[in-house]
Amino acid sequence: MSNAKNSAVHPALKNFDELPDAANVPLAVVCGIYGCSPATAWRRVRSGQLVAPHRIGSRTTRWNVGEIRNALKKMEGRHELLS
């Protein structure tokens, strides 16, 4: 039995290209962009492979959209060098 909440696409992920660089997105969006699980996302943050999130309040962590876009551009440049 599938859980509808887990299979739904986060609205911020659907509209990622329209978000301003100053926007912040949750872990679910980061996982959707990079195609990884939450555990892998946190592991990549610790190893420096993924941009670090920002704490917003005592229990909220978000990633900056502009920082994610810059990291994706850098990854794309490295991929082109390898091709």
Protein backbone atom coordinates (compact mmCIF):
# COMPACT_ATOMS: atom_id res chain seq x y z
CA MET A 1 0.00 0.00 0.00
CA SER A 2 1.48 3.37 -0.99
CA ASN A 3 1.30 6.50 1.07
CA ALA A 4 -0.09 9.42 -0.96
CA LYS A 5 1.89 11.94 1.07
CA ASN A 6 5.19 10.24 0.20
CA SER A 7 4.39 9.87 -3.49
CA ALA A 8 3.21 13.46 -4.03
CA VAL A 9 5.66 15.95 -5.51
CA HIS A 10 6.40 18.89 -3.22
CA PRO A 11 4.97 22.16 -4.67
CA ALA A 12 8.35 23.90 -4.35
CA LEU A 13 9.95 21.11 -6.40
CA LYS A 14 7.30 21.47 -9.12
CA ASN A 15 7.96 25.22 -9.30
CA PHE A 16 11.69 25.23 -8.51
CA ASP A 17 12.61 27.12 -11.70
CA GLU A 18 10.21 29.93 -10.80
CA LEU A 19 11.44 30.37 -7.22
CA PRO A 20 13.64 33.40 -6.50
CA ASP A 21 17.25 32.78 -5.47
CA ALA A 22 16.42 34.13 -2.00
CA ALA A 23 13.80 31.41 -1.40
CA ASN A 24 14.44 28.54 1.00
CA VAL A 25 13.29 24.96 0.48
CA PRO A 26 12.94 21.94 2.80
CA LEU A 27 14.82 18.65 2.73
CA ALA A 28 12.13 16.98 0.61
CA VAL A 29 12.85 19.38 -2.25
CA VAL A 30 16.61 18.90 -1.97
CA CYS A 31 16.11 15.13 -2.08
CA GLY A 32 13.91 15.49 -5.16
CA ILE A 33 16.45 17.66 -6.98
CA TYR A 34 19.41 15.40 -6.25
CA GLY A 35 17.46 12.13 -6.45
CA CYS A 36 18.55 10.88 -3.05
CA SER A 37 17.14 9.88 0.32
CA PRO A 38 17.19 12.21 3.35
CA ALA A 39 19.99 10.14 4.91
CA THR A 40 22.10 10.49 1.76
CA ALA A 41 21.42 14.24 1.59
CA TRP A 42 22.67 14.71 5.17
CA ARG A 43 25.67 12.48 4.48
CA ARG A 44 26.54 14.64 1.45
CA VAL A 45 26.20 17.81 3.55
CA ARG A 46 28.65 16.39 6.11
CA SER A 47 31.13 15.43 3.38
CA GLY A 48 30.83 18.80 1.62
CA GLN A 49 29.26 17.38 -1.55
CA LEU A 50 26.00 19.23 -0.92
CA VAL A 51 25.56 22.83 0.17
CA ALA A 52 24.89 23.26 3.87
CA PRO A 53 21.40 24.23 4.98
CA HIS A 54 20.48 27.21 7.14
CA ARG A 55 18.74 26.97 10.49
CA ILE A 56 15.55 29.00 10.56
CA GLY A 57 14.33 28.91 14.13
CA SER A 58 15.07 26.19 16.60
CA ARG A 59 13.52 23.26 14.69
CA THR A 60 13.56 24.28 11.04
CA THR A 61 16.30 23.73 8.46
CA ARG A 62 16.08 25.01 4.90
CA TRP A 63 18.34 25.16 1.86
CA ASN A 64 18.76 28.38 -0.10
CA VAL A 65 17.59 28.09 -3.72
CA GLY A 66 20.37 30.33 -5.08
CA GLU A 67 23.03 28.22 -3.37
CA ILE A 68 21.49 25.02 -4.76
CA ARG A 69 21.42 26.50 -8.28
CA ASN A 70 25.09 27.52 -8.02
CA ALA A 71 26.04 24.03 -6.82
CA LEU A 72 24.10 22.46 -9.71
CA LYS A 73 25.88 24.74 -12.21
CA LYS A 74 29.25 23.70 -10.79
CA MET A 75 28.26 20.02 -11.02
CA GLU A 76 27.15 20.55 -14.62
CA GLY A 77 30.50 22.17 -15.47
CA ARG A 78 32.41 19.24 -13.96
CA HIS A 79 30.22 16.79 -15.89
CA GLU A 80 30.99 18.59 -19.17
CA LEU A 81 34.73 18.37 -18.44
CA LEU A 82 34.43 14.60 -17.97
CA SER A 83 32.46 14.06 -21.18
